[in-house]
């Protein structure tokens, strides 16, 4: 179940009751605010995620988040689909080879 969001404000933990999603797509900059706190909450919950950004590949991500895929906006649907499939594969999630 997708979690619609217009703003990263508030605690990411506020969404605890909304279980049931497999992956998350995070736009790095929402209304001028970086989404690092949401990404940290997802890391703690072991929810795989990817970042979307118009900043390009040179975007500096916080420690522990360099492994999350980063896609440039606008993103081609086939590139997004590939990244999402990669996040949902058991080998990709465990860090083990295929």
Protein backbone atom coordinates (compact mmCIF):
# COMPACT_ATOMS: atom_id res chain seq x y z
CA UNK A 1 0.00 0.00 0.00
CA UNK A 2 1.59 3.31 -1.02
CA UNK A 3 1.98 6.03 1.56
CA UNK A 4 1.13 9.33 -0.07
CA UNK A 5 3.14 12.24 1.22
CA UNK A 6 3.17 15.91 0.44
CA UNK A 7 5.74 16.79 3.07
CA UNK A 8 8.50 15.06 5.04
CA UNK A 9 7.54 17.12 8.12
CA UNK A 10 6.63 15.28 11.26
CA UNK A 11 8.21 12.15 12.55
CA UNK A 12 8.76 9.30 10.10
CA UNK A 13 7.64 7.10 12.97
CA UNK A 14 4.15 8.61 12.57
CA UNK A 15 3.69 6.16 9.71
CA UNK A 16 4.21 3.05 11.86
CA UNK A 17 0.56 2.11 11.65
CA UNK A 18 0.73 2.05 7.85
CA UNK A 19 2.47 -1.28 7.43
CA UNK A 20 2.41 -3.39 4.33
CA UNK A 21 4.59 -1.70 1.73
CA UNK A 22 7.53 -3.51 0.18
CA UNK A 23 9.69 -0.63 -1.05
CA UNK A 24 9.75 3.15 -0.94
CA UNK A 25 10.58 5.80 -3.52
CA UNK A 26 11.91 8.97 -1.92
CA UNK A 27 12.22 12.28 -3.69
CA UNK A 28 15.33 13.72 -2.05
CA UNK A 29 13.98 17.26 -1.84
CA UNK A 30 10.34 17.74 -0.82
CA UNK A 31 9.24 21.34 -0.47
CA UNK A 32 12.83 22.41 0.19
CA UNK A 33 13.44 19.78 2.88
CA UNK A 34 15.72 16.75 2.51
CA UNK A 35 14.15 13.37 3.32
CA UNK A 36 17.08 11.88 5.22
CA UNK A 37 15.04 11.32 8.39
CA UNK A 38 12.51 9.26 6.43
CA UNK A 39 15.34 7.25 4.84
CA UNK A 40 16.86 6.59 8.29
CA UNK A 41 13.47 5.34 9.53
CA UNK A 42 13.21 3.01 6.54
CA UNK A 43 16.73 1.69 7.19
CA UNK A 44 15.78 0.91 10.80
CA UNK A 45 12.69 -0.94 9.56
CA UNK A 46 14.68 -2.81 6.87
CA UNK A 47 12.48 -1.40 4.10
CA UNK A 48 14.41 -1.09 0.83
CA UNK A 49 14.19 2.29 -0.87
CA UNK A 50 15.55 4.35 -3.70
CA UNK A 51 16.10 8.05 -4.13
CA UNK A 52 14.92 10.30 -6.95
CA UNK A 53 16.73 13.59 -7.43
CA UNK A 54 17.10 16.39 -9.93
CA UNK A 55 20.53 17.11 -8.38
CA UNK A 56 22.23 14.43 -10.42
CA UNK A 57 24.58 11.66 -9.40
CA UNK A 58 26.87 14.05 -7.52
CA UNK A 59 24.32 14.29 -4.67
CA UNK A 60 26.02 13.74 -1.31
CA UNK A 61 24.04 11.23 0.72
CA UNK A 62 24.44 10.71 4.47
CA UNK A 63 26.47 7.81 5.85
CA UNK A 64 24.77 4.47 5.42
CA UNK A 65 22.73 5.58 2.40
CA UNK A 66 25.32 5.41 -0.36
CA UNK A 67 24.10 1.93 -1.29
CA UNK A 68 20.54 3.04 -1.99
CA UNK A 69 19.88 3.49 -5.69
CA UNK A 70 19.78 7.09 -6.90
CA UNK A 71 17.84 7.85 -10.07
CA UNK A 72 17.95 11.16 -11.89
CA UNK A 73 14.71 13.02 -12.54
CA UNK A 74 13.04 12.85 -14.89
CA UNK A 75 13.36 9.08 -14.74
CA UNK A 76 12.46 6.74 -17.56
CA UNK A 77 9.79 4.25 -16.55
CA UNK A 78 11.95 1.27 -17.58
CA UNK A 79 14.82 2.52 -15.41
CA UNK A 80 12.45 2.94 -12.44
CA UNK A 81 10.96 -0.50 -13.03
CA UNK A 82 14.42 -2.09 -13.16
CA UNK A 83 15.46 -0.37 -9.92
CA UNK A 84 12.25 -1.46 -8.15
CA UNK A 85 12.66 -5.06 -9.29
CA UNK A 86 16.25 -4.95 -8.03
CA UNK A 87 15.06 -3.78 -4.62
CA UNK A 88 12.54 -6.60 -4.32
CA UNK A 89 14.82 -9.50 -5.29
CA UNK A 90 15.88 -11.52 -2.25
CA UNK A 91 19.54 -11.52 -3.31
CA UNK A 92 19.53 -7.75 -3.71
CA UNK A 93 17.96 -7.25 -0.29
CA UNK A 94 20.41 -9.56 1.49
CA UNK A 95 23.48 -8.36 -0.37
CA UNK A 96 24.22 -11.88 -1.61
CA UNK A 97 25.07 -12.69 -5.23
CA UNK A 98 22.39 -14.28 -7.44
